[in-house]
PDB file of all heavy atoms in Angstrom:
ATOM      1  N   GLU A   1      74.708 141.980 123.520  1.00  0.00           N
ATOM      2  CA  GLU A   1      75.220 142.043 122.150  1.00  0.00           C
ATOM      3  C   GLU A   1      76.763 141.745 122.174  1.00  0.00           C
ATOM      4  O   GLU A   1      77.415 142.228 123.135  1.00  0.00           O
ATOM      5  CB  GLU A   1      74.890 143.276 121.425  1.00  0.00           C
ATOM      6  CG  GLU A   1      75.412 144.517 122.074  1.00  0.00           C
ATOM      7  CD  GLU A   1      75.121 145.794 121.230  1.00  0.00           C
ATOM      8  OE1 GLU A   1      74.592 145.723 120.102  1.00  0.00           O
ATOM      9  OE2 GLU A   1      75.364 146.875 121.753  1.00  0.00           O
ATOM     10  N   PHE A   2      77.234 141.299 121.149  1.00  0.00           N
ATOM     11  CA  PHE A   2      78.742 141.101 120.894  1.00  0.00           C
ATOM     12  C   PHE A   2      79.431 142.366 120.677  1.00  0.00           C
ATOM     13  O   PHE A   2      78.834 143.286 120.005  1.00  0.00           O
ATOM     14  CB  PHE A   2      78.953 140.152 119.723  1.00  0.00           C
ATOM     15  CG  PHE A   2      80.351 140.133 119.222  1.00  0.00           C
ATOM     16  CD1 PHE A   2      81.263 139.388 119.978  1.00  0.00           C
ATOM     17  CD2 PHE A   2      80.651 140.739 118.176  1.00  0.00           C
ATOM     18  CE1 PHE A   2      82.654 139.358 119.614  1.00  0.00           C
ATOM     19  CE2 PHE A   2      82.093 140.682 117.749  1.00  0.00           C
ATOM     20  CZ  PHE A   2      83.021 139.949 118.393  1.00  0.00           C
ATOM     21  N   VAL A   3      80.509 142.526 121.256  1.00  0.00           N
ATOM     22  CA  VAL A   3      81.315 143.732 121.131  1.00  0.00           C
ATOM     23  C   VAL A   3      82.717 143.409 120.338  1.00  0.00           C
ATOM     24  O   VAL A   3      83.061 144.034 119.345  1.00  0.00           O
ATOM     25  CB  VAL A   3      81.744 144.443 122.396  1.00  0.00           C
ATOM     26  CG1 VAL A   3      82.579 145.596 122.162  1.00  0.00           C
ATOM     27  CG2 VAL A   3      80.444 144.951 123.119  1.00  0.00           C
ATOM     28  N   ALA A   4      83.461 142.478 120.977  1.00  0.00           N
ATOM     29  CA  ALA A   4      84.803 142.167 120.350  1.00  0.00           C
ATOM     30  C   ALA A   4      85.219 140.785 120.832  1.00  0.00           C
ATOM     31  O   ALA A   4      84.820 140.252 121.904  1.00  0.00           O
ATOM     32  CB  ALA A   4      85.781 143.131 120.751  1.00  0.00           C
ATOM     33  N   ALA A   5      86.144 140.154 119.994  1.00  0.00           N
ATOM     34  CA  ALA A   5      86.600 138.858 120.408  1.00  0.00           C
ATOM     35  C   ALA A   5      88.075 138.736 120.000  1.00  0.00           C
ATOM     36  O   ALA A   5      88.544 139.510 119.005  1.00  0.00           O
ATOM     37  CB  ALA A   5      85.876 137.702 119.747  1.00  0.00           C
ATOM     38  N   ILE A   6      88.878 137.851 120.666  1.00  0.00           N
ATOM     39  CA  ILE A   6      90.288 137.737 120.435  1.00  0.00           C
ATOM     40  C   ILE A   6      90.679 136.244 120.605  1.00  0.00           C
ATOM     41  O   ILE A   6      90.190 135.536 121.445  1.00  0.00           O
ATOM     42  CB  ILE A   6      91.012 138.741 121.363  1.00  0.00           C
ATOM     43  CG1 ILE A   6      92.546 138.727 121.033  1.00  0.00           C
ATOM     44  CG2 ILE A   6      90.893 138.349 122.784  1.00  0.00           C
ATOM     45  CD1 ILE A   6      93.315 139.815 121.623  1.00  0.00           C
ATOM     46  N   SER A   7      91.547 135.880 119.736  1.00  0.00           N
ATOM     47  CA  SER A   7      92.119 134.425 119.899  1.00  0.00           C
ATOM     48  C   SER A   7      93.090 134.455 120.968  1.00  0.00           C
ATOM     49  O   SER A   7      93.538 135.407 121.527  1.00  0.00           O
ATOM     50  CB  SER A   7      92.721 134.079 118.503  1.00  0.00           C
ATOM     51  OG  SER A   7      93.827 134.853 118.181  1.00  0.00           O
ATOM     52  N   TRP A   8      93.581 133.212 121.253  1.00  0.00           N
ATOM     53  CA  TRP A   8      94.518 132.916 122.366  1.00  0.00           C
ATOM     54  C   TRP A   8      95.877 133.739 122.103  1.00  0.00           C
ATOM     55  O   TRP A   8      96.257 134.402 123.088  1.00  0.00           O
ATOM     56  CB  TRP A   8      94.814 131.524 122.486  1.00  0.00           C
ATOM     57  CG  TRP A   8      96.004 131.191 123.389  1.00  0.00           C
ATOM     58  CD1 TRP A   8      97.301 130.656 122.936  1.00  0.00           C
ATOM     59  CD2 TRP A   8      96.112 131.300 124.811  1.00  0.00           C
ATOM     60  NE1 TRP A   8      98.036 130.590 124.075  1.00  0.00           N
ATOM     61  CE2 TRP A   8      97.366 130.830 125.139  1.00  0.00           C
ATOM     62  CE3 TRP A   8      95.181 131.723 125.800  1.00  0.00           C
ATOM     63  CZ2 TRP A   8      97.764 130.896 126.525  1.00  0.00           C
ATOM     64  CZ3 TRP A   8      95.583 131.623 127.088  1.00  0.00           C
ATOM     65  CH2 TRP A   8      96.825 131.326 127.380  1.00  0.00           C
ATOM     66  N   SER A   9      96.388 133.656 120.939  1.00  0.00           N
ATOM     67  CA  SER A   9      97.599 134.286 120.642  1.00  0.00           C
ATOM     68  C   SER A   9      97.475 135.822 120.495  1.00  0.00           C
ATOM     69  O   SER A   9      98.497 136.504 120.598  1.00  0.00           O
ATOM     70  CB  SER A   9      98.126 133.780 119.309  1.00  0.00           C
ATOM     71  OG  SER A   9      97.428 134.237 118.225  1.00  0.00           O
ATOM     72  N   GLY A  10      96.194 136.349 120.316  1.00  0.00           N
ATOM     73  CA  GLY A  10      96.024 137.764 120.097  1.00  0.00           C
ATOM     74  C   GLY A  10      96.109 138.109 118.556  1.00  0.00           C
ATOM     75  O   GLY A  10      95.960 139.261 118.224  1.00  0.00           O
ATOM     76  N   GLY A  11      96.536 137.041 117.741  1.00  0.00           N
ATOM     77  CA  GLY A  11      96.651 137.475 116.333  1.00  0.00           C
ATOM     78  C   GLY A  11      95.440 137.596 115.531  1.00  0.00           C
ATOM     79  O   GLY A  11      95.566 137.942 114.337  1.00  0.00           O
ATOM     80  N   ASN A  12      94.330 137.110 116.056  1.00  0.00           N
ATOM     81  CA  ASN A  12      93.042 137.204 115.429  1.00  0.00           C
ATOM     82  C   ASN A  12      92.005 137.936 116.164  1.00  0.00           C
ATOM     83  O   ASN A  12      91.792 137.588 117.412  1.00  0.00           O
ATOM     84  CB  ASN A  12      92.585 135.882 115.037  1.00  0.00           C
ATOM     85  CG  ASN A  12      91.365 135.916 114.081  1.00  0.00           C
ATOM     86  OD1 ASN A  12      91.070 136.903 113.442  1.00  0.00           O
ATOM     87  ND2 ASN A  12      90.684 134.684 113.889  1.00  0.00           N
ATOM     88  N   THR A  13      91.540 139.059 115.712  1.00  0.00           N
ATOM     89  CA  THR A  13      90.410 139.889 116.410  1.00  0.00           C
ATOM     90  C   THR A  13      89.258 140.093 115.581  1.00  0.00           C
ATOM     91  O   THR A  13      89.275 140.049 114.319  1.00  0.00           O
ATOM     92  CB  THR A  13      91.008 141.196 116.895  1.00  0.00           C
ATOM     93  OG1 THR A  13      91.466 141.963 115.742  1.00  0.00           O
ATOM     94  CG2 THR A  13      92.160 141.039 117.923  1.00  0.00           C
ATOM     95  N   TYR A  14      88.199 140.315 116.163  1.00  0.00           N
ATOM     96  CA  TYR A  14      86.812 140.496 115.439  1.00  0.00           C
ATOM     97  C   TYR A  14      86.066 141.584 116.151  1.00  0.00           C
ATOM     98  O   TYR A  14      85.955 141.425 117.486  1.00  0.00           O
ATOM     99  CB  TYR A  14      86.048 139.275 115.240  1.00  0.00           C
ATOM    100  CG  TYR A  14      84.781 139.359 114.510  1.00  0.00           C
ATOM    101  CD1 TYR A  14      84.867 139.700 113.147  1.00  0.00           C
ATOM    102  CD2 TYR A  14      83.548 139.136 115.031  1.00  0.00           C
ATOM    103  CE1 TYR A  14      83.741 139.849 112.442  1.00  0.00           C
ATOM    104  CE2 TYR A  14      82.435 139.230 114.322  1.00  0.00           C
ATOM    105  CZ  TYR A  14      82.512 139.605 113.014  1.00  0.00           C
ATOM    106  OH  TYR A  14      81.357 139.724 112.323  1.00  0.00           O
ATOM    107  N   TYR A  15      85.390 142.457 115.499  1.00  0.00           N
ATOM    108  CA  TYR A  15      84.609 143.569 116.175  1.00  0.00           C
ATOM    109  C   TYR A  15      83.305 143.659 115.611  1.00  0.00           C
ATOM    110  O   TYR A  15      83.109 143.542 114.468  1.00  0.00           O
ATOM    111  CB  TYR A  15      85.338 144.910 116.004  1.00  0.00           C
ATOM    112  CG  TYR A  15      86.771 144.991 116.623  1.00  0.00           C
ATOM    113  CD1 TYR A  15      87.826 144.680 115.941  1.00  0.00           C
ATOM    114  CD2 TYR A  15      86.921 145.314 117.907  1.00  0.00           C
ATOM    115  CE1 TYR A  15      89.121 144.691 116.429  1.00  0.00           C
ATOM    116  CE2 TYR A  15      88.215 145.446 118.541  1.00  0.00           C
ATOM    117  CZ  TYR A  15      89.256 145.186 117.793  1.00  0.00           C
ATOM    118  OH  TYR A  15      90.502 145.107 118.371  1.00  0.00           O
ATOM    119  N   ALA A  16      82.387 144.064 116.443  1.00  0.00           N
ATOM    120  CA  ALA A  16      81.042 144.427 115.964  1.00  0.00           C
ATOM    121  C   ALA A  16      81.255 145.816 115.126  1.00  0.00           C
ATOM    122  O   ALA A  16      82.085 146.624 115.441  1.00  0.00           O
ATOM    123  CB  ALA A  16      80.057 144.718 117.177  1.00  0.00           C
ATOM    124  N   ASP A  17      80.377 145.934 114.131  1.00  0.00           N
ATOM    125  CA  ASP A  17      80.419 147.140 113.271  1.00  0.00           C
ATOM    126  C   ASP A  17      80.269 148.442 114.077  1.00  0.00           C
ATOM    127  O   ASP A  17      80.889 149.399 113.745  1.00  0.00           O
ATOM    128  CB  ASP A  17      79.415 147.048 112.122  1.00  0.00           C
ATOM    129  CG  ASP A  17      79.726 145.971 111.066  1.00  0.00           C
ATOM    130  OD1 ASP A  17      80.861 145.663 111.032  1.00  0.00           O
ATOM    131  OD2 ASP A  17      78.763 145.617 110.391  1.00  0.00           O
ATOM    132  N   SER A  18      79.463 148.380 115.192  1.00  0.00           N
ATOM    133  CA  SER A  18      79.203 149.564 115.914  1.00  0.00           C
ATOM    134  C   SER A  18      80.305 150.096 116.664  1.00  0.00           C
ATOM    135  O   SER A  18      80.367 151.309 117.038  1.00  0.00           O
ATOM    136  CB  SER A  18      78.060 149.278 116.914  1.00  0.00           C
ATOM    137  OG  SER A  18      78.401 148.278 117.672  1.00  0.00           O
ATOM    138  N   VAL A  19      81.366 149.253 116.916  1.00  0.00           N
ATOM    139  CA  VAL A  19      82.563 149.706 117.684  1.00  0.00           C
ATOM    140  C   VAL A  19      83.868 149.716 116.823  1.00  0.00           C
ATOM    141  O   VAL A  19      84.906 150.119 117.289  1.00  0.00           O
ATOM    142  CB  VAL A  19      82.740 148.924 118.958  1.00  0.00           C
ATOM    143  CG1 VAL A  19      81.492 148.875 119.727  1.00  0.00           C
ATOM    144  CG2 VAL A  19      83.203 147.454 118.552  1.00  0.00           C
ATOM    145  N   LYS A  20      83.748 149.194 115.652  1.00  0.00           N
ATOM    146  CA  LYS A  20      85.013 149.082 114.775  1.00  0.00           C
ATOM    147  C   LYS A  20      85.589 150.389 114.581  1.00  0.00           C
ATOM    148  O   LYS A  20      84.983 151.405 114.223  1.00  0.00           O
ATOM    149  CB  LYS A  20      84.652 148.478 113.497  1.00  0.00           C
ATOM    150  CG  LYS A  20      85.745 147.910 112.713  1.00  0.00           C
ATOM    151  CD  LYS A  20      85.331 147.128 111.442  1.00  0.00           C
ATOM    152  CE  LYS A  20      84.575 145.903 111.839  1.00  0.00           C
ATOM    153  NZ  LYS A  20      84.141 145.119 110.642  1.00  0.00           N
ATOM    154  N   GLY A  21      86.890 150.470 114.883  1.00  0.00           N
ATOM    155  CA  GLY A  21      87.619 151.786 114.680  1.00  0.00           C
ATOM    156  C   GLY A  21      87.699 152.582 115.890  1.00  0.00           C
ATOM    157  O   GLY A  21      88.457 153.530 116.023  1.00  0.00           O
ATOM    158  N   ARG A  22      86.916 152.244 116.830  1.00  0.00           N
ATOM    159  CA  ARG A  22      86.956 153.008 118.160  1.00  0.00           C
ATOM    160  C   ARG A  22      87.410 152.102 119.279  1.00  0.00           C
ATOM    161  O   ARG A  22      88.100 152.705 120.185  1.00  0.00           O
ATOM    162  CB  ARG A  22      85.387 153.465 118.560  1.00  0.00           C
ATOM    163  CG  ARG A  22      84.860 154.476 117.502  1.00  0.00           C
ATOM    164  CD  ARG A  22      83.523 155.036 117.974  1.00  0.00           C
ATOM    165  NE  ARG A  22      82.549 154.020 118.155  1.00  0.00           N
ATOM    166  CZ  ARG A  22      81.911 153.728 119.331  1.00  0.00           C
ATOM    167  NH1 ARG A  22      82.183 154.523 120.420  1.00  0.00           N
ATOM    168  NH2 ARG A  22      81.005 152.883 119.429  1.00  0.00           N
ATOM    169  N   PHE A  23      87.066 150.825 119.240  1.00  0.00           N
ATOM    170  CA  PHE A  23      87.432 149.951 120.376  1.00  0.00           C
ATOM    171  C   PHE A  23      88.609 149.012 119.914  1.00  0.00           C
ATOM    172  O   PHE A  23      88.658 148.713 118.771  1.00  0.00           O
ATOM    173  CB  PHE A  23      86.304 149.018 120.809  1.00  0.00           C
ATOM    174  CG  PHE A  23      85.171 149.799 121.532  1.00  0.00           C
ATOM    175  CD1 PHE A  23      85.112 151.174 121.558  1.00  0.00           C
ATOM    176  CD2 PHE A  23      84.198 148.990 122.083  1.00  0.00           C
ATOM    177  CE1 PHE A  23      84.048 151.776 122.200  1.00  0.00           C
ATOM    178  CE2 PHE A  23      83.143 149.668 122.833  1.00  0.00           C
ATOM    179  CZ  PHE A  23      83.047 151.031 122.846  1.00  0.00           C
ATOM    180  N   THR A  24      89.470 148.621 120.865  1.00  0.00           N
ATOM    181  CA  THR A  24      90.502 147.745 120.564  1.00  0.00           C
ATOM    182  C   THR A  24      90.557 146.673 121.701  1.00  0.00           C
ATOM    183  O   THR A  24      90.714 146.991 122.927  1.00  0.00           O
ATOM    184  CB  THR A  24      91.852 148.381 120.465  1.00  0.00           C
ATOM    185  OG1 THR A  24      91.854 149.394 119.480  1.00  0.00           O
ATOM    186  CG2 THR A  24      92.955 147.414 120.154  1.00  0.00           C
ATOM    187  N   ILE A  25      90.444 145.349 121.309  1.00  0.00           N
ATOM    188  CA  ILE A  25      90.643 144.301 122.279  1.00  0.00           C
ATOM    189  C   ILE A  25      92.132 143.730 122.143  1.00  0.00           C
ATOM    190  O   ILE A  25      92.731 143.687 121.092  1.00  0.00           O
ATOM    191  CB  ILE A  25      89.691 143.256 121.907  1.00  0.00           C
ATOM    192  CG1 ILE A  25      89.698 142.101 122.968  1.00  0.00           C
ATOM    193  CG2 ILE A  25      89.882 142.562 120.513  1.00  0.00           C
ATOM    194  CD1 ILE A  25      88.579 141.016 122.982  1.00  0.00           C
ATOM    195  N   SER A  26      92.692 143.434 123.359  1.00  0.00           N
ATOM    196  CA  SER A  26      94.004 142.905 123.447  1.00  0.00           C
ATOM    197  C   SER A  26      94.077 142.045 124.595  1.00  0.00           C
ATOM    198  O   SER A  26      93.202 141.902 125.280  1.00  0.00           O
ATOM    199  CB  SER A  26      95.038 144.005 123.428  1.00  0.00           C
ATOM    200  OG  SER A  26      94.830 144.764 124.681  1.00  0.00           O
ATOM    201  N   ARG A  27      95.247 141.343 124.669  1.00  0.00           N
ATOM    202  CA  ARG A  27      95.407 140.469 125.850  1.00  0.00           C
ATOM    203  C   ARG A  27      96.843 140.330 126.221  1.00  0.00           C
ATOM    204  O   ARG A  27      97.758 140.485 125.315  1.00  0.00           O
ATOM    205  CB  ARG A  27      94.769 139.074 125.671  1.00  0.00           C
ATOM    206  CG  ARG A  27      95.439 138.192 124.543  1.00  0.00           C
ATOM    207  CD  ARG A  27      94.630 137.030 124.243  1.00  0.00           C
ATOM    208  NE  ARG A  27      94.289 136.204 125.329  1.00  0.00           N
ATOM    209  CZ  ARG A  27      93.380 135.245 125.309  1.00  0.00           C
ATOM    210  NH1 ARG A  27      92.582 135.007 124.223  1.00  0.00           N
ATOM    211  NH2 ARG A  27      93.192 134.503 126.500  1.00  0.00           N
ATOM    212  N   ASP A  28      97.118 139.967 127.438  1.00  0.00           N
ATOM    213  CA  ASP A  28      98.415 139.753 127.973  1.00  0.00           C
ATOM    214  C   ASP A  28      98.346 138.517 128.690  1.00  0.00           C
ATOM    215  O   ASP A  28      97.963 138.493 129.996  1.00  0.00           O
ATOM    216  CB  ASP A  28      98.944 140.884 128.908  1.00  0.00           C
ATOM    217  CG  ASP A  28     100.385 140.764 129.307  1.00  0.00           C
ATOM    218  OD1 ASP A  28     100.949 139.607 129.250  1.00  0.00           O
ATOM    219  OD2 ASP A  28     100.983 141.697 129.756  1.00  0.00           O
ATOM    220  N   ASN A  29      98.705 137.395 128.140  1.00  0.00           N
ATOM    221  CA  ASN A  29      98.597 136.112 128.757  1.00  0.00           C
ATOM    222  C   ASN A  29      99.416 135.879 129.880  1.00  0.00           C
ATOM    223  O   ASN A  29      99.092 135.071 130.876  1.00  0.00           O
ATOM    224  CB  ASN A  29      98.678 135.019 127.669  1.00  0.00           C
ATOM    225  CG  ASN A  29      97.611 134.893 126.711  1.00  0.00           C
ATOM    226  OD1 ASN A  29      96.567 135.493 126.987  1.00  0.00           O
ATOM    227  ND2 ASN A  29      97.773 134.263 125.549  1.00  0.00           N
ATOM    228  N   ALA A  30     100.636 136.551 129.940  1.00  0.00           N
ATOM    229  CA  ALA A  30     101.501 136.474 131.155  1.00  0.00           C
ATOM    230  C   ALA A  30     100.905 137.018 132.345  1.00  0.00           C
ATOM    231  O   ALA A  30     101.143 136.670 133.471  1.00  0.00           O
ATOM    232  CB  ALA A  30     102.760 137.099 130.819  1.00  0.00           C
ATOM    233  N   LYS A  31      99.855 137.988 132.188  1.00  0.00           N
ATOM    234  CA  LYS A  31      99.133 138.595 133.295  1.00  0.00           C
ATOM    235  C   LYS A  31      97.747 138.114 133.427  1.00  0.00           C
ATOM    236  O   LYS A  31      97.042 138.495 134.216  1.00  0.00           O
ATOM    237  CB  LYS A  31      99.107 140.106 133.027  1.00  0.00           C
ATOM    238  CG  LYS A  31     100.506 140.818 133.005  1.00  0.00           C
ATOM    239  CD  LYS A  31     100.213 142.388 132.941  1.00  0.00           C
ATOM    240  CE  LYS A  31     101.633 143.051 132.785  1.00  0.00           C
ATOM    241  NZ  LYS A  31     102.206 142.960 134.185  1.00  0.00           N
ATOM    242  N   ASN A  32      97.435 137.122 132.528  1.00  0.00           N
ATOM    243  CA  ASN A  32      96.114 136.491 132.558  1.00  0.00           C
ATOM    244  C   ASN A  32      95.006 137.507 132.478  1.00  0.00           C
ATOM    245  O   ASN A  32      93.988 137.441 133.208  1.00  0.00           O
ATOM    246  CB  ASN A  32      95.849 135.644 133.797  1.00  0.00           C
ATOM    247  CG  ASN A  32      96.807 134.441 133.959  1.00  0.00           C
ATOM    248  OD1 ASN A  32      97.120 133.804 132.968  1.00  0.00           O
ATOM    249  ND2 ASN A  32      97.354 134.198 135.099  1.00  0.00           N
ATOM    250  N   THR A  33      95.161 138.514 131.547  1.00  0.00           N
ATOM    251  CA  THR A  33      94.310 139.609 131.498  1.00  0.00           C
ATOM    252  C   THR A  33      93.892 139.949 129.975  1.00  0.00           C
ATOM    253  O   THR A  33      94.755 139.862 129.141  1.00  0.00           O
ATOM    254  CB  THR A  33      94.867 140.809 132.143  1.00  0.00           C
ATOM    255  OG1 THR A  33      95.190 140.582 133.543  1.00  0.00           O
ATOM    256  CG2 THR A  33      93.892 142.050 132.078  1.00  0.00           C
ATOM    257  N   VAL A  34      92.634 140.198 129.744  1.00  0.00           N
ATOM    258  CA  VAL A  34      92.161 140.683 128.508  1.00  0.00           C
ATOM    259  C   VAL A  34      91.689 142.167 128.671  1.00  0.00           C
ATOM    260  O   VAL A  34      91.121 142.481 129.711  1.00  0.00           O
ATOM    261  CB  VAL A  34      91.029 139.803 127.984  1.00  0.00           C
ATOM    262  CG1 VAL A  34      90.552 140.239 126.651  1.00  0.00           C
ATOM    263  CG2 VAL A  34      91.505 138.310 127.908  1.00  0.00           C
ATOM    264  N   TYR A  35      91.860 142.974 127.618  1.00  0.00           N
ATOM    265  CA  TYR A  35      91.569 144.346 127.796  1.00  0.00           C
ATOM    266  C   TYR A  35      90.656 144.816 126.614  1.00  0.00           C
ATOM    267  O   TYR A  35      90.547 144.124 125.570  1.00  0.00           O
ATOM    268  CB  TYR A  35      92.874 145.156 127.634  1.00  0.00           C
ATOM    269  CG  TYR A  35      93.915 144.893 128.638  1.00  0.00           C
ATOM    270  CD1 TYR A  35      94.935 144.017 128.318  1.00  0.00           C
ATOM    271  CD2 TYR A  35      93.957 145.457 129.919  1.00  0.00           C
ATOM    272  CE1 TYR A  35      95.988 143.764 129.225  1.00  0.00           C
ATOM    273  CE2 TYR A  35      94.854 145.109 130.890  1.00  0.00           C
ATOM    274  CZ  TYR A  35      95.998 144.309 130.496  1.00  0.00           C
ATOM    275  OH  TYR A  35      96.935 144.159 131.400  1.00  0.00           O
ATOM    276  N   LEU A  36      89.921 145.874 127.042  1.00  0.00           N
ATOM    277  CA  LEU A  36      89.054 146.468 125.894  1.00  0.00           C
ATOM    278  C   LEU A  36      89.386 147.965 126.052  1.00  0.00           C
ATOM    279  O   LEU A  36      88.801 148.548 126.984  1.00  0.00           O
ATOM    280  CB  LEU A  36      87.649 146.228 126.035  1.00  0.00           C
ATOM    281  CG  LEU A  36      86.722 146.767 124.966  1.00  0.00           C
ATOM    282  CD1 LEU A  36      86.959 146.124 123.690  1.00  0.00           C
ATOM    283  CD2 LEU A  36      85.317 146.631 125.348  1.00  0.00           C
ATOM    284  N   GLN A  37      90.083 148.521 125.105  1.00  0.00           N
ATOM    285  CA  GLN A  37      90.392 149.913 125.115  1.00  0.00           C
ATOM    286  C   GLN A  37      89.156 150.578 124.263  1.00  0.00           C
ATOM    287  O   GLN A  37      88.969 150.256 123.130  1.00  0.00           O
ATOM    288  CB  GLN A  37      91.609 150.338 124.414  1.00  0.00           C
ATOM    289  CG  GLN A  37      91.871 151.786 124.285  1.00  0.00           C
ATOM    290  CD  GLN A  37      92.079 152.458 125.572  1.00  0.00           C
ATOM    291  OE1 GLN A  37      92.904 151.918 126.407  1.00  0.00           O
ATOM    292  NE2 GLN A  37      91.545 153.634 125.819  1.00  0.00           N
ATOM    293  N   MET A  38      88.475 151.491 124.884  1.00  0.00           N
ATOM    294  CA  MET A  38      87.354 152.135 124.291  1.00  0.00           C
ATOM    295  C   MET A  38      87.606 153.651 124.116  1.00  0.00           C
ATOM    296  O   MET A  38      87.765 154.352 125.168  1.00  0.00           O
ATOM    297  CB  MET A  38      86.085 151.915 125.124  1.00  0.00           C
ATOM    298  CG  MET A  38      85.767 150.451 125.426  1.00  0.00           C
ATOM    299  SD  MET A  38      84.260 150.232 126.322  1.00  0.00           S
ATOM    300  CE  MET A  38      84.581 151.063 127.838  1.00  0.00           C
ATOM    301  N   ASN A  39      87.696 154.104 122.901  1.00  0.00           N
ATOM    302  CA  ASN A  39      87.946 155.504 122.566  1.00  0.00           C
ATOM    303  C   ASN A  39      86.543 156.113 121.813  1.00  0.00           C
ATOM    304  O   ASN A  39      85.742 155.370 121.364  1.00  0.00           O
ATOM    305  CB  ASN A  39      89.100 155.633 121.586  1.00  0.00           C
ATOM    306  CG  ASN A  39      90.448 155.172 122.304  1.00  0.00           C
ATOM    307  OD1 ASN A  39      90.512 155.309 123.495  1.00  0.00           O
ATOM    308  ND2 ASN A  39      91.231 154.640 121.504  1.00  0.00           N
ATOM    309  N   SER A  40      86.603 157.402 121.831  1.00  0.00           N
ATOM    310  CA  SER A  40      85.538 158.114 121.140  1.00  0.00           C
ATOM    311  C   SER A  40      84.185 157.599 121.659  1.00  0.00           C
ATOM    312  O   SER A  40      83.256 157.298 120.842  1.00  0.00           O
ATOM    313  CB  SER A  40      85.625 158.075 119.647  1.00  0.00           C
ATOM    314  OG  SER A  40      86.882 158.557 119.236  1.00  0.00           O
ATOM    315  N   LEU A  41      83.979 157.460 122.874  1.00  0.00           N
ATOM    316  CA  LEU A  41      82.712 156.886 123.504  1.00  0.00           C
ATOM    317  C   LEU A  41      81.522 157.756 123.259  1.00  0.00           C
ATOM    318  O   LEU A  41      81.548 158.972 123.163  1.00  0.00           O
ATOM    319  CB  LEU A  41      82.868 156.662 124.954  1.00  0.00           C
ATOM    320  CG  LEU A  41      83.752 155.459 125.337  1.00  0.00           C
ATOM    321  CD1 LEU A  41      84.271 155.554 126.799  1.00  0.00           C
ATOM    322  CD2 LEU A  41      82.954 154.127 125.065  1.00  0.00           C
ATOM    323  N   LYS A  42      80.387 157.100 122.919  1.00  0.00           N
ATOM    324  CA  LYS A  42      79.088 157.696 122.641  1.00  0.00           C
ATOM    325  C   LYS A  42      78.141 157.279 123.644  1.00  0.00           C
ATOM    326  O   LYS A  42      78.232 156.188 124.428  1.00  0.00           O
ATOM    327  CB  LYS A  42      78.675 157.217 121.255  1.00  0.00           C
ATOM    328  CG  LYS A  42      79.688 157.408 120.104  1.00  0.00           C
ATOM    329  CD  LYS A  42      79.121 156.804 118.880  1.00  0.00           C
ATOM    330  CE  LYS A  42      80.074 157.005 117.643  1.00  0.00           C
ATOM    331  NZ  LYS A  42      79.573 156.346 116.431  1.00  0.00           N
ATOM    332  N   PRO A  43      77.127 158.031 123.892  1.00  0.00           N
ATOM    333  CA  PRO A  43      76.043 157.730 124.873  1.00  0.00           C
ATOM    334  C   PRO A  43      75.499 156.339 124.590  1.00  0.00           C
ATOM    335  O   PRO A  43      75.071 155.577 125.607  1.00  0.00           O
ATOM    336  CB  PRO A  43      75.029 158.810 124.764  1.00  0.00           C
ATOM    337  CG  PRO A  43      75.815 159.960 124.327  1.00  0.00           C
ATOM    338  CD  PRO A  43      76.887 159.437 123.447  1.00  0.00           C
ATOM    339  N   GLU A  44      75.333 155.902 123.384  1.00  0.00           N
ATOM    340  CA  GLU A  44      74.782 154.554 123.000  1.00  0.00           C
ATOM    341  C   GLU A  44      75.647 153.445 123.328  1.00  0.00           C
ATOM    342  O   GLU A  44      75.293 152.307 123.360  1.00  0.00           O
ATOM    343  CB  GLU A  44      74.501 154.611 121.462  1.00  0.00           C
ATOM    344  CG  GLU A  44      75.544 154.954 120.594  1.00  0.00           C
ATOM    345  CD  GLU A  44      75.405 156.317 120.128  1.00  0.00           C
ATOM    346  OE1 GLU A  44      75.107 157.253 120.871  1.00  0.00           O
ATOM    347  OE2 GLU A  44      75.558 156.595 118.982  1.00  0.00           O
ATOM    348  N   ASP A  45      76.925 153.730 123.833  1.00  0.00           N
ATOM    349  CA  ASP A  45      77.856 152.677 124.434  1.00  0.00           C
ATOM    350  C   ASP A  45      77.497 152.351 125.860  1.00  0.00           C
ATOM    351  O   ASP A  45      78.082 151.426 126.317  1.00  0.00           O
ATOM    352  CB  ASP A  45      79.372 153.178 124.253  1.00  0.00           C
ATOM    353  CG  ASP A  45      79.761 153.246 122.833  1.00  0.00           C
ATOM    354  OD1 ASP A  45      79.449 152.426 121.958  1.00  0.00           O
ATOM    355  OD2 ASP A  45      80.521 154.254 122.551  1.00  0.00           O
ATOM    356  N   THR A  46      76.706 153.124 126.503  1.00  0.00           N
ATOM    357  CA  THR A  46      76.299 152.888 127.859  1.00  0.00           C
ATOM    358  C   THR A  46      75.735 151.440 128.019  1.00  0.00           C
ATOM    359  O   THR A  46      74.698 151.122 127.298  1.00  0.00           O
ATOM    360  CB  THR A  46      75.312 153.920 128.298  1.00  0.00           C
ATOM    361  OG1 THR A  46      75.914 155.187 128.350  1.00  0.00           O
ATOM    362  CG2 THR A  46      74.761 153.635 129.714  1.00  0.00           C
TER     363      THR A  46
END
């Protein structure tokens, strides 16, 4: 299932309803890295 997506610039993001408000997607193109910060984790996130 889909969780989150981000555009190249990072200016556009989209989240599944199940994680909205808890997860944050970001990226650092200089480091060639995309991140997913997950807060308030629930067992159903396993």
